[in-house]
Amino acid sequence: MFESTMRFFARLIWFSLTQLLGYWTGRAIIQGLSLGSLDVSDYGYHNQKPFKILWRRGEQPIVSYLAAIALGQFLWFGAIFGALVYLSRG
């Protein structure tokens, strides 16, 4: 029982860290590559159409926070995989 509880909390912490790290990294990448012309919605904010990736608030185009998470996680997992491949060739 204790082991399964600890495994649950380890997965919860891992999930939370990957979500937040992915969000902040993806947000920085999107805003940096668009030179500030795109904004990223706040974490957990859903538009009226929940699966829409891009929408406008007035004149400002806004990207969904889910796209920022996906981009950030892709970057981090790619960097980790690349580092492991590089180190394994030794």
Protein backbone atom coordinates (compact mmCIF):
# COMPACT_ATOMS: atom_id res chain seq x y z
CA MET A 1 0.00 0.00 0.00
CA PHE A 2 2.79 2.41 0.92
CA GLU A 3 4.68 1.60 -2.27
CA SER A 4 1.67 2.27 -4.49
CA THR A 5 0.98 5.55 -2.68
CA MET A 6 4.57 6.68 -3.16
CA ARG A 7 4.44 5.66 -6.84
CA PHE A 8 1.25 7.71 -7.27
CA PHE A 9 2.83 10.80 -5.73
CA ALA A 10 5.99 10.36 -7.80
CA ARG A 11 3.89 10.24 -10.98
CA LEU A 12 1.87 13.26 -9.84
CA ILE A 13 5.02 15.27 -9.21
CA TRP A 14 6.54 14.17 -12.54
CA PHE A 15 3.35 15.10 -14.41
CA SER A 16 3.16 18.51 -12.71
CA LEU A 17 6.80 19.31 -13.40
CA THR A 18 6.63 18.31 -17.06
CA GLN A 19 3.43 20.31 -17.57
CA LEU A 20 4.73 23.48 -15.96
CA LEU A 21 8.22 23.26 -17.45
CA GLY A 22 6.72 22.56 -20.87
CA TYR A 23 4.29 25.47 -20.54
CA TRP A 24 6.89 28.05 -19.57
CA THR A 25 9.42 26.84 -22.14
CA GLY A 26 6.81 26.70 -24.91
CA ARG A 27 5.49 30.12 -23.96
CA ALA A 28 8.98 31.61 -24.18
CA ILE A 29 9.66 29.92 -27.54
CA ILE A 30 6.36 31.03 -29.09
CA GLN A 31 6.71 34.61 -27.93
CA GLY A 32 10.40 34.74 -28.84
CA LEU A 33 10.08 33.29 -32.33
CA SER A 34 7.08 35.48 -33.14
CA LEU A 35 8.92 38.55 -31.76
CA GLY A 36 6.06 39.17 -29.33
CA SER A 37 3.30 39.28 -31.93
CA LEU A 38 1.71 36.06 -30.61
CA ASP A 39 0.53 35.72 -27.04
CA VAL A 40 -0.04 32.46 -25.15
CA SER A 41 -3.16 31.99 -23.07
CA ASP A 42 -2.83 31.57 -19.34
CA TYR A 43 -2.29 28.06 -18.00
CA GLY A 44 -5.66 26.35 -17.72
CA TYR A 45 -7.60 28.96 -19.74
CA HIS A 46 -9.93 27.46 -22.33
CA ASN A 47 -11.49 29.41 -25.15
CA GLN A 48 -15.18 29.05 -25.89
CA LYS A 49 -14.18 26.50 -28.55
CA PRO A 50 -11.99 24.21 -26.43
CA PHE A 51 -9.98 22.51 -29.18
CA LYS A 52 -9.07 25.67 -31.06
CA ILE A 53 -5.30 26.24 -31.12
CA LEU A 54 -5.32 29.86 -32.31
CA TRP A 55 -7.90 32.60 -31.76
CA ARG A 56 -8.05 36.37 -31.44
CA ARG A 57 -8.88 38.61 -28.53
CA GLY A 58 -9.48 41.90 -30.29
CA GLU A 59 -6.52 42.28 -32.64
CA GLN A 60 -4.15 40.12 -30.58
CA PRO A 61 -3.70 36.52 -31.85
CA ILE A 62 -3.51 34.07 -28.96
CA VAL A 63 -2.12 30.53 -28.97
CA SER A 64 -3.61 27.85 -26.71
CA TYR A 65 -1.64 26.89 -23.63
CA LEU A 66 -1.88 23.25 -24.77
CA ALA A 67 0.18 24.08 -27.87
CA ALA A 68 2.78 25.75 -25.65
CA ILE A 69 2.94 22.66 -23.42
CA ALA A 70 3.34 20.35 -26.42
CA LEU A 71 6.09 22.51 -27.94
CA GLY A 72 7.96 22.87 -24.65
CA GLN A 73 7.78 19.17 -23.82
CA PHE A 74 8.92 18.29 -27.35
CA LEU A 75 11.93 20.55 -26.90
CA TRP A 76 12.88 19.15 -23.47
CA PHE A 77 12.42 15.50 -24.36
CA GLY A 78 14.35 16.05 -27.60
CA ALA A 79 17.18 17.72 -25.69
CA ILE A 80 17.32 14.87 -23.16
CA PHE A 81 17.23 12.24 -25.92
CA GLY A 82 19.92 14.06 -27.87
CA ALA A 83 22.14 14.32 -24.80
CA LEU A 84 21.72 10.61 -24.07
CA VAL A 85 22.57 9.67 -27.66
CA TYR A 86 25.59 11.97 -27.61
CA LEU A 87 26.84 10.57 -24.30
CA SER A 88 26.29 6.95 -25.34
CA ARG A 89 28.57 7.37 -28.35
CA GLY A 90 31.21 8.39 -25.88
